[in-house]
C-alpha atoms as a PDB file:
ATOM      1  CA  MET A   1      27.782   9.478 -63.998  1.00  0.00           C
ATOM      2  CA  SER A   2      25.212   9.823 -61.212  1.00  0.00           C
ATOM      3  CA  LYS A   3      23.704   6.645 -59.804  1.00  0.00           C
ATOM      4  CA  LEU A   4      19.909   6.960 -59.617  1.00  0.00           C
ATOM      5  CA  TYR A   5      17.706   4.936 -57.261  1.00  0.00           C
ATOM      6  CA  LEU A   6      13.900   4.981 -57.344  1.00  0.00           C
ATOM      7  CA  ILE A   7      11.819   4.528 -54.173  1.00  0.00           C
ATOM      8  CA  THR A   8       8.193   3.503 -54.729  1.00  0.00           C
ATOM      9  CA  GLY A   9       5.362   2.232 -52.554  1.00  0.00           C
ATOM     10  CA  PHE A  10       1.721   3.025 -51.959  1.00  0.00           C
ATOM     11  CA  LEU A  11       0.603   5.851 -49.691  1.00  0.00           C
ATOM     12  CA  GLY A  12       1.648   5.269 -46.088  1.00  0.00           C
ATOM     13  CA  ALA A  13       4.127   2.459 -46.743  1.00  0.00           C
ATOM     14  CA  GLY A  14       6.902   4.419 -44.999  1.00  0.00           C
ATOM     15  CA  LYS A  15       8.890   5.764 -47.979  1.00  0.00           C
ATOM     16  CA  THR A  16       9.991   8.981 -46.274  1.00  0.00           C
ATOM     17  CA  THR A  17      11.224   7.196 -43.135  1.00  0.00           C
ATOM     18  CA  PHE A  18      12.953   4.598 -45.301  1.00  0.00           C
ATOM     19  CA  LEU A  19      14.618   7.324 -47.371  1.00  0.00           C
ATOM     20  CA  LYS A  20      16.204   8.812 -44.243  1.00  0.00           C
ATOM     21  CA  ARG A  21      17.756   5.398 -43.458  1.00  0.00           C
ATOM     22  CA  PHE A  22      18.699   4.800 -47.072  1.00  0.00           C
ATOM     23  CA  LEU A  23      20.630   8.086 -47.160  1.00  0.00           C
ATOM     24  CA  ASP A  24      22.960   6.737 -44.472  1.00  0.00           C
ATOM     25  CA  LEU A  25      24.248   4.151 -46.970  1.00  0.00           C
ATOM     26  CA  PHE A  26      25.800   6.964 -49.042  1.00  0.00           C
ATOM     27  CA  ALA A  27      27.752   8.758 -46.332  1.00  0.00           C
ATOM     28  CA  GLY A  28      30.345  11.153 -47.734  1.00  0.00           C
ATOM     29  CA  GLN A  29      28.751  11.275 -51.182  1.00  0.00           C
ATOM     30  CA  LYS A  30      26.969  14.198 -52.816  1.00  0.00           C
ATOM     31  CA  ILE A  31      23.233  13.443 -52.851  1.00  0.00           C
ATOM     32  CA  GLN A  32      20.357  14.925 -54.831  1.00  0.00           C
ATOM     33  CA  LEU A  33      16.826  14.184 -53.584  1.00  0.00           C
ATOM     34  CA  VAL A  34      13.835  14.440 -55.911  1.00  0.00           C
ATOM     35  CA  ILE A  35      10.616  14.269 -53.883  1.00  0.00           C
ATOM     36  CA  ASN A  36       7.348  13.694 -55.740  1.00  0.00           C
ATOM     37  CA  GLU A  37       4.009  14.284 -54.003  1.00  0.00           C
ATOM     38  CA  PHE A  38       0.526  14.063 -55.431  1.00  0.00           C
ATOM     39  CA  GLY A  39      -0.879  17.022 -53.509  1.00  0.00           C
ATOM     40  CA  GLN A  40      -0.013  20.648 -54.187  1.00  0.00           C
ATOM     41  CA  GLU A  41       1.240  21.284 -50.649  1.00  0.00           C
ATOM     42  CA  GLY A  42       4.338  19.119 -50.210  1.00  0.00           C
ATOM     43  CA  VAL A  43       4.984  17.586 -46.795  1.00  0.00           C
ATOM     44  CA  ASP A  44       7.718  15.015 -47.391  1.00  0.00           C
ATOM     45  CA  GLY A  45      10.152  17.572 -48.778  1.00  0.00           C
ATOM     46  CA  THR A  46       9.890  19.626 -45.604  1.00  0.00           C
ATOM     47  CA  LEU A  47      10.431  16.535 -43.446  1.00  0.00           C
ATOM     48  CA  LEU A  48      13.535  15.598 -45.466  1.00  0.00           C
ATOM     49  CA  SER A  49      15.117  19.045 -45.501  1.00  0.00           C
ATOM     50  CA  GLY A  50      18.281  19.513 -43.484  1.00  0.00           C
ATOM     51  CA  LEU A  51      19.688  16.073 -44.303  1.00  0.00           C
ATOM     52  CA  GLY A  52      22.679  17.427 -46.164  1.00  0.00           C
ATOM     53  CA  ALA A  53      21.288  16.658 -49.631  1.00  0.00           C
ATOM     54  CA  TYR A  54      20.230  18.947 -52.463  1.00  0.00           C
ATOM     55  CA  LEU A  55      16.412  18.770 -52.470  1.00  0.00           C
ATOM     56  CA  GLN A  56      13.941  19.375 -55.294  1.00  0.00           C
ATOM     57  CA  GLU A  57      10.176  18.842 -55.122  1.00  0.00           C
ATOM     58  CA  ILE A  58       7.698  17.979 -57.864  1.00  0.00           C
ATOM     59  CA  SER A  59       4.086  18.150 -56.695  1.00  0.00           C
ATOM     60  CA  GLY A  60       0.603  17.986 -58.185  1.00  0.00           C
ATOM     61  CA  GLY A  61       0.898  14.571 -59.846  1.00  0.00           C
ATOM     62  CA  SER A  62       3.153  11.598 -60.504  1.00  0.00           C
ATOM     63  CA  VAL A  63       6.506  12.212 -62.220  1.00  0.00           C
ATOM     64  CA  PHE A  64       5.678   9.297 -64.538  1.00  0.00           C
ATOM     65  CA  CYS A  65       2.399  10.797 -65.680  1.00  0.00           C
ATOM     66  CA  SER A  66       2.271  12.946 -68.802  1.00  0.00           C
ATOM     67  CA  CYS A  67       1.198  15.851 -66.569  1.00  0.00           C
ATOM     68  CA  ARG A  68       4.581  15.955 -64.779  1.00  0.00           C
ATOM     69  CA  LEU A  69       6.998  13.981 -66.956  1.00  0.00           C
ATOM     70  CA  ASP A  70       8.400  17.112 -68.640  1.00  0.00           C
ATOM     71  CA  GLN A  71       9.117  18.672 -65.242  1.00  0.00           C
ATOM     72  CA  PHE A  72      10.779  15.473 -64.039  1.00  0.00           C
ATOM     73  CA  GLU A  73      13.006  15.317 -67.113  1.00  0.00           C
ATOM     74  CA  SER A  74      13.916  18.984 -66.664  1.00  0.00           C
ATOM     75  CA  VAL A  75      14.977  18.364 -63.058  1.00  0.00           C
ATOM     76  CA  LEU A  76      17.086  15.383 -64.115  1.00  0.00           C
ATOM     77  CA  ARG A  77      18.788  17.316 -66.912  1.00  0.00           C
ATOM     78  CA  SER A  78      19.592  20.170 -64.538  1.00  0.00           C
ATOM     79  CA  SER A  79      21.291  17.692 -62.200  1.00  0.00           C
ATOM     80  CA  VAL A  80      24.252  17.688 -64.628  1.00  0.00           C
ATOM     81  CA  ASP A  81      25.289  21.043 -63.187  1.00  0.00           C
ATOM     82  CA  LEU A  82      25.127  19.711 -59.609  1.00  0.00           C
ATOM     83  CA  HIS A  83      27.377  16.701 -60.299  1.00  0.00           C
ATOM     84  CA  PRO A  84      25.733  14.487 -57.639  1.00  0.00           C
ATOM     85  CA  ASP A  85      27.188  11.074 -56.919  1.00  0.00           C
ATOM     86  CA  VAL A  86      23.711   9.729 -56.173  1.00  0.00           C
ATOM     87  CA  ILE A  87      20.178  10.789 -57.139  1.00  0.00           C
ATOM     88  CA  LEU A  88      17.356   9.418 -54.973  1.00  0.00           C
ATOM     89  CA  VAL A  89      13.820   9.764 -56.346  1.00  0.00           C
ATOM     90  CA  GLU A  90      10.884   9.252 -53.977  1.00  0.00           C
ATOM     91  CA  ALA A  91       7.893   8.696 -56.266  1.00  0.00           C
ATOM     92  CA  SER A  92       4.349   9.589 -55.329  1.00  0.00           C
ATOM     93  CA  GLY A  93       2.488   6.790 -53.595  1.00  0.00           C
ATOM     94  CA  LEU A  94      -0.064   6.944 -56.413  1.00  0.00           C
ATOM     95  CA  SER A  95       2.459   6.689 -59.239  1.00  0.00           C
ATOM     96  CA  ASP A  96       2.639   4.034 -61.945  1.00  0.00           C
ATOM     97  CA  PRO A  97       6.386   3.567 -62.648  1.00  0.00           C
ATOM     98  CA  THR A  98       5.893   0.913 -65.341  1.00  0.00           C
ATOM     99  CA  GLY A  99       8.062   2.709 -67.912  1.00  0.00           C
ATOM    100  CA  VAL A 100      10.936   3.734 -65.636  1.00  0.00           C
ATOM    101  CA  ARG A 101      13.489   1.295 -67.090  1.00  0.00           C
ATOM    102  CA  ARG A 102      12.686   2.404 -70.606  1.00  0.00           C
ATOM    103  CA  LEU A 103      13.004   6.031 -69.579  1.00  0.00           C
ATOM    104  CA  PHE A 104      16.539   5.659 -68.262  1.00  0.00           C
ATOM    105  CA  SER A 105      17.656   3.286 -70.994  1.00  0.00           C
ATOM    106  CA  GLN A 106      17.456   6.236 -73.397  1.00  0.00           C
ATOM    107  CA  THR A 107      21.075   7.249 -72.890  1.00  0.00           C
ATOM    108  CA  ASP A 108      20.859  10.035 -75.457  1.00  0.00           C
ATOM    109  CA  ARG A 109      18.418  11.864 -73.146  1.00  0.00           C
ATOM    110  CA  PHE A 110      20.174  11.112 -69.845  1.00  0.00           C
ATOM    111  CA  PRO A 111      23.810  10.290 -70.627  1.00  0.00           C
ATOM    112  CA  HIS A 112      24.853  11.282 -67.099  1.00  0.00           C
ATOM    113  CA  ILE A 113      22.470   8.928 -65.276  1.00  0.00           C
ATOM    114  CA  ASP A 114      23.198   5.322 -64.340  1.00  0.00           C
ATOM    115  CA  TYR A 115      19.878   3.808 -63.238  1.00  0.00           C
ATOM    116  CA  GLN A 116      20.459   1.362 -60.381  1.00  0.00           C
ATOM    117  CA  GLY A 117      16.927   0.048 -59.891  1.00  0.00           C
ATOM    118  CA  ALA A 118      13.745   0.505 -57.872  1.00  0.00           C
ATOM    119  CA  VAL A 119      12.939  -0.344 -54.266  1.00  0.00           C
ATOM    120  CA  CYS A 120       9.252  -0.933 -53.507  1.00  0.00           C
ATOM    121  CA  LEU A 121       8.102  -0.283 -49.934  1.00  0.00           C
ATOM    122  CA  VAL A 122       5.197  -2.460 -48.779  1.00  0.00           C
ATOM    123  CA  ASP A 123       3.110  -1.929 -45.638  1.00  0.00           C
ATOM    124  CA  ALA A 124       2.958  -5.358 -43.961  1.00  0.00           C
ATOM    125  CA  VAL A 125      -0.406  -4.565 -42.352  1.00  0.00           C
ATOM    126  CA  ARG A 126      -2.323  -2.823 -45.149  1.00  0.00           C
ATOM    127  CA  PHE A 127      -0.873  -4.428 -48.287  1.00  0.00           C
ATOM    128  CA  PRO A 128      -3.356  -7.335 -48.647  1.00  0.00           C
ATOM    129  CA  LYS A 129      -6.311  -4.926 -48.698  1.00  0.00           C
ATOM    130  CA  LEU A 130      -4.568  -2.375 -50.924  1.00  0.00           C
ATOM    131  CA  TYR A 131      -3.351  -5.012 -53.381  1.00  0.00           C
ATOM    132  CA  ALA A 132      -6.959  -6.056 -53.956  1.00  0.00           C
ATOM    133  CA  THR A 133      -8.295  -2.510 -54.446  1.00  0.00           C
ATOM    134  CA  ALA A 134      -5.512  -0.287 -55.850  1.00  0.00           C
ATOM    135  CA  ARG A 135      -4.061  -1.287 -59.224  1.00  0.00           C
ATOM    136  CA  THR A 136      -1.087   1.013 -58.579  1.00  0.00           C
ATOM    137  CA  CYS A 137       0.234  -1.480 -56.002  1.00  0.00           C
ATOM    138  CA  VAL A 138       0.422  -4.123 -58.724  1.00  0.00           C
ATOM    139  CA  LYS A 139       2.200  -1.699 -61.089  1.00  0.00           C
ATOM    140  CA  GLN A 140       4.732  -0.626 -58.460  1.00  0.00           C
ATOM    141  CA  LEU A 141       5.521  -4.210 -57.554  1.00  0.00           C
ATOM    142  CA  ALA A 142       5.904  -5.151 -61.222  1.00  0.00           C
ATOM    143  CA  SER A 143       8.416  -2.339 -61.811  1.00  0.00           C
ATOM    144  CA  SER A 144      10.631  -2.979 -58.797  1.00  0.00           C
ATOM    145  CA  ASP A 145      13.926  -4.785 -58.300  1.00  0.00           C
ATOM    146  CA  ILE A 146      13.646  -5.278 -54.521  1.00  0.00           C
ATOM    147  CA  VAL A 147      10.693  -5.335 -52.134  1.00  0.00           C
ATOM    148  CA  VAL A 148      11.047  -4.010 -48.593  1.00  0.00           C
ATOM    149  CA  ILE A 149       8.197  -5.246 -46.408  1.00  0.00           C
ATOM    150  CA  ASN A 150       8.008  -2.531 -43.768  1.00  0.00           C
ATOM    151  CA  LYS A 151       6.191  -2.201 -40.422  1.00  0.00           C
ATOM    152  CA  ILE A 152       6.523  -5.894 -39.589  1.00  0.00           C
ATOM    153  CA  ASP A 153       6.433  -4.915 -35.900  1.00  0.00           C
ATOM    154  CA  LYS A 154       2.791  -3.890 -36.361  1.00  0.00           C
ATOM    155  CA  ALA A 155       1.685  -6.897 -38.404  1.00  0.00           C
ATOM    156  CA  SER A 156       0.199 -10.116 -37.106  1.00  0.00           C
ATOM    157  CA  ALA A 157       1.685 -13.420 -38.282  1.00  0.00           C
ATOM    158  CA  GLU A 158      -1.346 -13.888 -40.550  1.00  0.00           C
ATOM    159  CA  GLN A 159      -1.002 -10.416 -42.109  1.00  0.00           C
ATOM    160  CA  LEU A 160       2.703 -10.933 -42.721  1.00  0.00           C
ATOM    161  CA  ASP A 161       2.082 -14.327 -44.328  1.00  0.00           C
ATOM    162  CA  GLN A 162      -0.598 -12.819 -46.581  1.00  0.00           C
ATOM    163  CA  THR A 163       1.710  -9.991 -47.640  1.00  0.00           C
ATOM    164  CA  ARG A 164       4.570 -12.379 -48.422  1.00  0.00           C
ATOM    165  CA  ALA A 165       2.232 -14.647 -50.411  1.00  0.00           C
ATOM    166  CA  LEU A 166       0.928 -11.753 -52.528  1.00  0.00           C
ATOM    167  CA  VAL A 167       4.427 -10.494 -53.303  1.00  0.00           C
ATOM    168  CA  ARG A 168       5.677 -13.986 -54.153  1.00  0.00           C
ATOM    169  CA  GLY A 169       2.542 -14.695 -56.189  1.00  0.00           C
ATOM    170  CA  GLN A 170       3.271 -11.802 -58.540  1.00  0.00           C
ATOM    171  CA  ARG A 171       7.096 -11.733 -58.334  1.00  0.00           C
ATOM    172  CA  PRO A 172       8.323 -15.166 -57.149  1.00  0.00           C
ATOM    173  CA  GLU A 173      11.972 -14.330 -57.900  1.00  0.00           C
ATOM    174  CA  ILE A 174      12.267 -10.845 -56.376  1.00  0.00           C
ATOM    175  CA  PRO A 175      14.477 -10.344 -53.286  1.00  0.00           C
ATOM    176  CA  ILE A 176      12.516  -9.410 -50.145  1.00  0.00           C
ATOM    177  CA  ILE A 177      13.807  -7.555 -47.092  1.00  0.00           C
ATOM    178  CA  GLU A 178      11.608  -7.437 -43.981  1.00  0.00           C
ATOM    179  CA  THR A 179      12.050  -4.580 -41.538  1.00  0.00           C
ATOM    180  CA  SER A 180      10.470  -1.968 -39.264  1.00  0.00           C
ATOM    181  CA  PHE A 181      10.895   1.819 -39.319  1.00  0.00           C
ATOM    182  CA  GLY A 182      12.576   1.571 -42.737  1.00  0.00           C
ATOM    183  CA  GLN A 183      15.800   0.143 -41.256  1.00  0.00           C
ATOM    184  CA  VAL A 184      18.131  -1.274 -43.930  1.00  0.00           C
ATOM    185  CA  ASP A 185      21.858  -1.869 -44.351  1.00  0.00           C
ATOM    186  CA  GLY A 186      24.373  -2.081 -47.183  1.00  0.00           C
ATOM    187  CA  SER A 187      23.153  -5.534 -48.234  1.00  0.00           C
ATOM    188  CA  LEU A 188      20.272  -3.773 -49.994  1.00  0.00           C
ATOM    189  CA  LEU A 189      22.704  -2.074 -52.392  1.00  0.00           C
ATOM    190  CA  ASP A 190      24.400  -5.406 -53.080  1.00  0.00           C
ATOM    191  CA  LEU A 191      21.043  -7.003 -53.884  1.00  0.00           C
ATOM    192  CA  LEU A 192      20.124  -4.132 -56.196  1.00  0.00           C
ATOM    193  CA  SER A 193      23.417  -4.405 -58.021  1.00  0.00           C
ATOM    194  CA  ALA A 194      22.888  -8.127 -58.598  1.00  0.00           C
ATOM    195  CA  GLN A 195      19.194  -7.840 -59.495  1.00  0.00           C
ATOM    196  CA  HIS A 196      18.927  -4.853 -61.787  1.00  0.00           C
ATOM    197  CA  THR A 197      19.081  -5.348 -65.559  1.00  0.00           C
ATOM    198  CA  PRO A 198      18.699  -2.579 -68.157  1.00  0.00           C
ATOM    199  CA  ALA A 199      15.601  -2.480 -70.340  1.00  0.00           C
ATOM    200  CA  PRO A 200      15.678  -2.220 -74.126  1.00  0.00           C
ATOM    201  CA  GLY A 201      15.831   1.332 -75.430  1.00  0.00           C
ATOM    202  CA  GLU A 202      12.190   1.719 -76.364  1.00  0.00           C
ATOM    203  CA  SER A 203      10.002   4.783 -76.050  1.00  0.00           C
ATOM    204  CA  MET A 204       8.487   5.229 -72.612  1.00  0.00           C
ATOM    205  CA  PRO A 205       4.689   4.931 -72.547  1.00  0.00           C
ATOM    206  CA  LEU A 206       2.862   7.871 -70.998  1.00  0.00           C
ATOM    207  CA  THR A 207       0.778   6.590 -68.125  1.00  0.00           C
ATOM    208  CA  ALA A 208      -2.141   8.282 -66.446  1.00  0.00           C
ATOM    209  CA  ASP A 209      -2.270   8.925 -62.714  1.00  0.00           C
ATOM    210  CA  LEU A 210      -4.369   6.607 -60.617  1.00  0.00           C
ATOM    211  CA  THR A 211      -7.935   7.869 -60.548  1.00  0.00           C
ATOM    212  CA  VAL A 212      -8.080   9.652 -57.225  1.00  0.00           C
ATOM    213  CA  ARG A 213     -10.085  12.236 -55.352  1.00  0.00           C
ATOM    214  CA  LYS A 214      -7.900  15.051 -54.054  1.00  0.00           C
ATOM    215  CA  LEU A 215      -9.149  17.704 -51.644  1.00  0.00           C
ATOM    216  CA  HIS A 216      -7.364  20.592 -49.910  1.00  0.00           C
ATOM    217  CA  VAL A 217      -8.878  22.176 -46.808  1.00  0.00           C
ATOM    218  CA  LYS A 218      -7.546  25.375 -45.194  1.00  0.00           C
ATOM    219  CA  ILE A 219      -7.872  25.192 -41.418  1.00  0.00           C
ATOM    220  CA  SER A 220      -7.769  28.043 -38.912  1.00  0.00           C
ATOM    221  CA  PRO A 221      -4.943  28.142 -36.332  1.00  0.00           C
ATOM    222  CA  GLU A 222      -7.685  28.602 -33.716  1.00  0.00           C
ATOM    223  CA  ILE A 223      -8.545  24.894 -33.870  1.00  0.00           C
ATOM    224  CA  SER A 224      -7.517  22.774 -30.887  1.00  0.00           C
ATOM    225  CA  ARG A 225      -5.667  19.482 -31.157  1.00  0.00           C
ATOM    226  CA  TYR A 226      -8.774  17.653 -29.916  1.00  0.00           C
ATOM    227  CA  ASP A 227     -11.059  19.280 -32.512  1.00  0.00           C
ATOM    228  CA  LEU A 228      -8.523  18.675 -35.282  1.00  0.00           C
ATOM    229  CA  GLN A 229      -8.431  14.983 -34.417  1.00  0.00           C
ATOM    230  CA  LYS A 230     -12.222  14.747 -34.300  1.00  0.00           C
ATOM    231  CA  PHE A 231     -12.514  16.653 -37.595  1.00  0.00           C
ATOM    232  CA  ILE A 232     -10.223  14.177 -39.379  1.00  0.00           C
ATOM    233  CA  GLU A 233     -11.913  11.190 -37.754  1.00  0.00           C
ATOM    234  CA  MET A 234     -15.163  12.157 -39.471  1.00  0.00           C
ATOM    235  CA  PHE A 235     -13.789  11.203 -42.912  1.00  0.00           C
ATOM    236  CA  ILE A 236     -10.590   9.197 -42.323  1.00  0.00           C
ATOM    237  CA  GLU A 237     -12.296   5.863 -43.122  1.00  0.00           C
ATOM    238  CA  ASP A 238     -12.911   7.045 -46.705  1.00  0.00           C
ATOM    239  CA  THR A 239      -9.313   8.093 -47.471  1.00  0.00           C
ATOM    240  CA  PHE A 240      -5.987   6.656 -48.595  1.00  0.00           C
ATOM    241  CA  ARG A 241      -3.921   9.395 -46.937  1.00  0.00           C
ATOM    242  CA  VAL A 242      -4.351  12.665 -45.025  1.00  0.00           C
ATOM    243  CA  LYS A 243      -1.317  14.951 -44.593  1.00  0.00           C
ATOM    244  CA  GLY A 244      -0.507  18.505 -43.644  1.00  0.00           C
ATOM    245  CA  PHE A 245       1.097  20.947 -41.222  1.00  0.00           C
ATOM    246  CA  LEU A 246      -1.555  22.510 -38.974  1.00  0.00           C
ATOM    247  CA  GLN A 247      -1.224  25.242 -36.372  1.00  0.00           C
ATOM    248  CA  THR A 248      -3.352  24.598 -33.292  1.00  0.00           C
ATOM    249  CA  SER A 249      -4.442  26.829 -30.443  1.00  0.00           C
ATOM    250  CA  ASP A 250      -3.176  24.579 -27.652  1.00  0.00           C
ATOM    251  CA  ALA A 251      -0.541  22.205 -29.066  1.00  0.00           C
ATOM    252  CA  GLY A 252       1.467  24.390 -31.444  1.00  0.00           C
ATOM    253  CA  LEU A 253       2.364  23.300 -34.959  1.00  0.00           C
ATOM    254  CA  LEU A 254       1.399  19.693 -35.677  1.00  0.00           C
ATOM    255  CA  LEU A 255       2.075  17.262 -38.496  1.00  0.00           C
ATOM    256  CA  ALA A 256      -1.008  15.311 -39.551  1.00  0.00           C
ATOM    257  CA  ASP A 257       0.193  12.102 -41.189  1.00  0.00           C
ATOM    258  CA  CYS A 258      -2.725   9.706 -41.384  1.00  0.00           C
ATOM    259  CA  VAL A 259      -2.932   6.322 -43.074  1.00  0.00           C
ATOM    260  CA  GLY A 260      -5.967   4.062 -43.288  1.00  0.00           C
ATOM    261  CA  ASN A 261      -8.258   4.712 -40.334  1.00  0.00           C
ATOM    262  CA  VAL A 262      -5.542   5.917 -37.930  1.00  0.00           C
ATOM    263  CA  VAL A 263      -5.283   9.646 -37.138  1.00  0.00           C
ATOM    264  CA  ASN A 264      -1.682  10.479 -36.282  1.00  0.00           C
ATOM    265  CA  LEU A 265      -0.847  13.978 -35.010  1.00  0.00           C
ATOM    266  CA  SER A 266       2.708  14.756 -33.901  1.00  0.00           C
ATOM    267  CA  SER A 267       4.908  17.797 -33.347  1.00  0.00           C
ATOM    268  CA  ALA A 268       6.051  19.333 -36.638  1.00  0.00           C
ATOM    269  CA  PRO A 269       9.606  20.474 -37.415  1.00  0.00           C
ATOM    270  CA  ALA A 270      10.416  24.042 -36.409  1.00  0.00           C
ATOM    271  CA  ASP A 271      11.406  25.133 -39.928  1.00  0.00           C
ATOM    272  CA  VAL A 272       8.188  24.492 -41.868  1.00  0.00           C
ATOM    273  CA  PRO A 273       7.696  27.182 -44.559  1.00  0.00           C
ATOM    274  CA  GLU A 274       4.811  29.540 -43.792  1.00  0.00           C
ATOM    275  CA  ASN A 275       3.025  28.819 -47.081  1.00  0.00           C
ATOM    276  CA  LYS A 276       2.740  25.122 -46.185  1.00  0.00           C
ATOM    277  CA  ILE A 277       1.071  25.686 -42.816  1.00  0.00           C
ATOM    278  CA  GLY A 278      -2.694  25.363 -42.497  1.00  0.00           C
ATOM    279  CA  TRP A 279      -3.433  23.139 -45.504  1.00  0.00           C
ATOM    280  CA  LEU A 280      -4.755  19.604 -45.084  1.00  0.00           C
ATOM    281  CA  THR A 281      -4.408  17.387 -48.184  1.00  0.00           C
ATOM    282  CA  ILE A 282      -6.897  14.521 -48.436  1.00  0.00           C
ATOM    283  CA  LEU A 283      -6.448  11.681 -50.957  1.00  0.00           C
ATOM    284  CA  SER A 284      -8.916   8.890 -51.618  1.00  0.00           C
ATOM    285  CA  GLY A 285     -10.133   6.495 -54.296  1.00  0.00           C
ATOM    286  CA  ALA A 286     -12.670   7.321 -56.976  1.00  0.00           C
ATOM    287  CA  ARG A 287     -15.366   5.087 -55.456  1.00  0.00           C
ATOM    288  CA  MET A 288     -14.887   6.304 -51.889  1.00  0.00           C
ATOM    289  CA  PRO A 289     -17.521   8.783 -50.613  1.00  0.00           C
ATOM    290  CA  VAL A 290     -14.879  11.175 -49.317  1.00  0.00           C
ATOM    291  CA  HIS A 291     -16.348  14.391 -50.736  1.00  0.00           C
ATOM    292  CA  LYS A 292     -19.608  13.950 -48.858  1.00  0.00           C
ATOM    293  CA  ALA A 293     -17.804  12.992 -45.645  1.00  0.00           C
ATOM    294  CA  VAL A 294     -15.411  15.975 -45.816  1.00  0.00           C
ATOM    295  CA  LYS A 295     -18.261  18.363 -46.592  1.00  0.00           C
ATOM    296  CA  GLN A 296     -20.137  17.124 -43.538  1.00  0.00           C
ATOM    297  CA  ALA A 297     -17.033  17.475 -41.354  1.00  0.00           C
ATOM    298  CA  CYS A 298     -16.455  21.034 -42.630  1.00  0.00           C
ATOM    299  CA  GLN A 299     -20.057  21.940 -41.795  1.00  0.00           C
ATOM    300  CA  TRP A 300     -19.685  20.489 -38.310  1.00  0.00           C
ATOM    301  CA  TYR A 301     -16.440  22.399 -37.689  1.00  0.00           C
ATOM    302  CA  GLN A 302     -17.202  25.361 -39.958  1.00  0.00           C
ATOM    303  CA  ARG A 303     -15.852  27.926 -37.464  1.00  0.00           C
ATOM    304  CA  TYR A 304     -12.370  26.511 -38.139  1.00  0.00           C
ATOM    305  CA  ILE A 305     -12.606  26.111 -41.937  1.00  0.00           C
ATOM    306  CA  LEU A 306     -11.114  29.012 -43.919  1.00  0.00           C
ATOM    307  CA  GLU A 307     -11.546  27.586 -47.424  1.00  0.00           C
END
């Protein structure tokens, strides 16, 4: 049987960085990665390629939503032919994994999968605000077996105390690991083994994706790094996450990976597929005025906007 681990956490919590560290705990084993992104143009899969694991991507919605559940089940059934020792699933930051235990307790559908539990990544700085505004954070925390409070190096003592209190308030018994840059060791696997309990074999409820505004903007490679940063700054305050691989005229290929109100542009990997270059994916909440802000930014920088 293949051991399956689920990685959850809201947008920007550090799931992809954590997953790279988590992979190290399974050295010498055959790994299958299933990467789930809400946007059509996947970024995380590209960043995780080349790690020696078999990689499959599911984009355009959460794998636990009715819109993608069939595709997720198909990927899991096909894993029988791969014979992986371990399957690691990175869920979309907007996913509601409430029914995950029920899903994998149905042994007639997945007789080759041994579900080991869910790890929920929490951003020590942003979690108090997100917990109050995004119901998905509550759902992800409720469905998890371990909480990893990440980015503690960036959090003040007050922010860290608030984050701990919120986690303990909802899940007083859940094990908590505090770290930075997703660093974990083998003790996490021991905690999961002790914590996880199977759910009764009931039918899995079909959940809807978090109500979200999703925009895709095609940007010309003629844009400079400075103009790209200023373009994103015009609407970043009204978003959950902004991601994409963008070619620039003066700084080469950049990865835009923005969380909250911070614009982060860094050098992209050299092996990014051509069809993923040039698209900026923008995710925000239903009550955030992102459409108006993006439209204004596109008008201001219209010479660089292709579609």
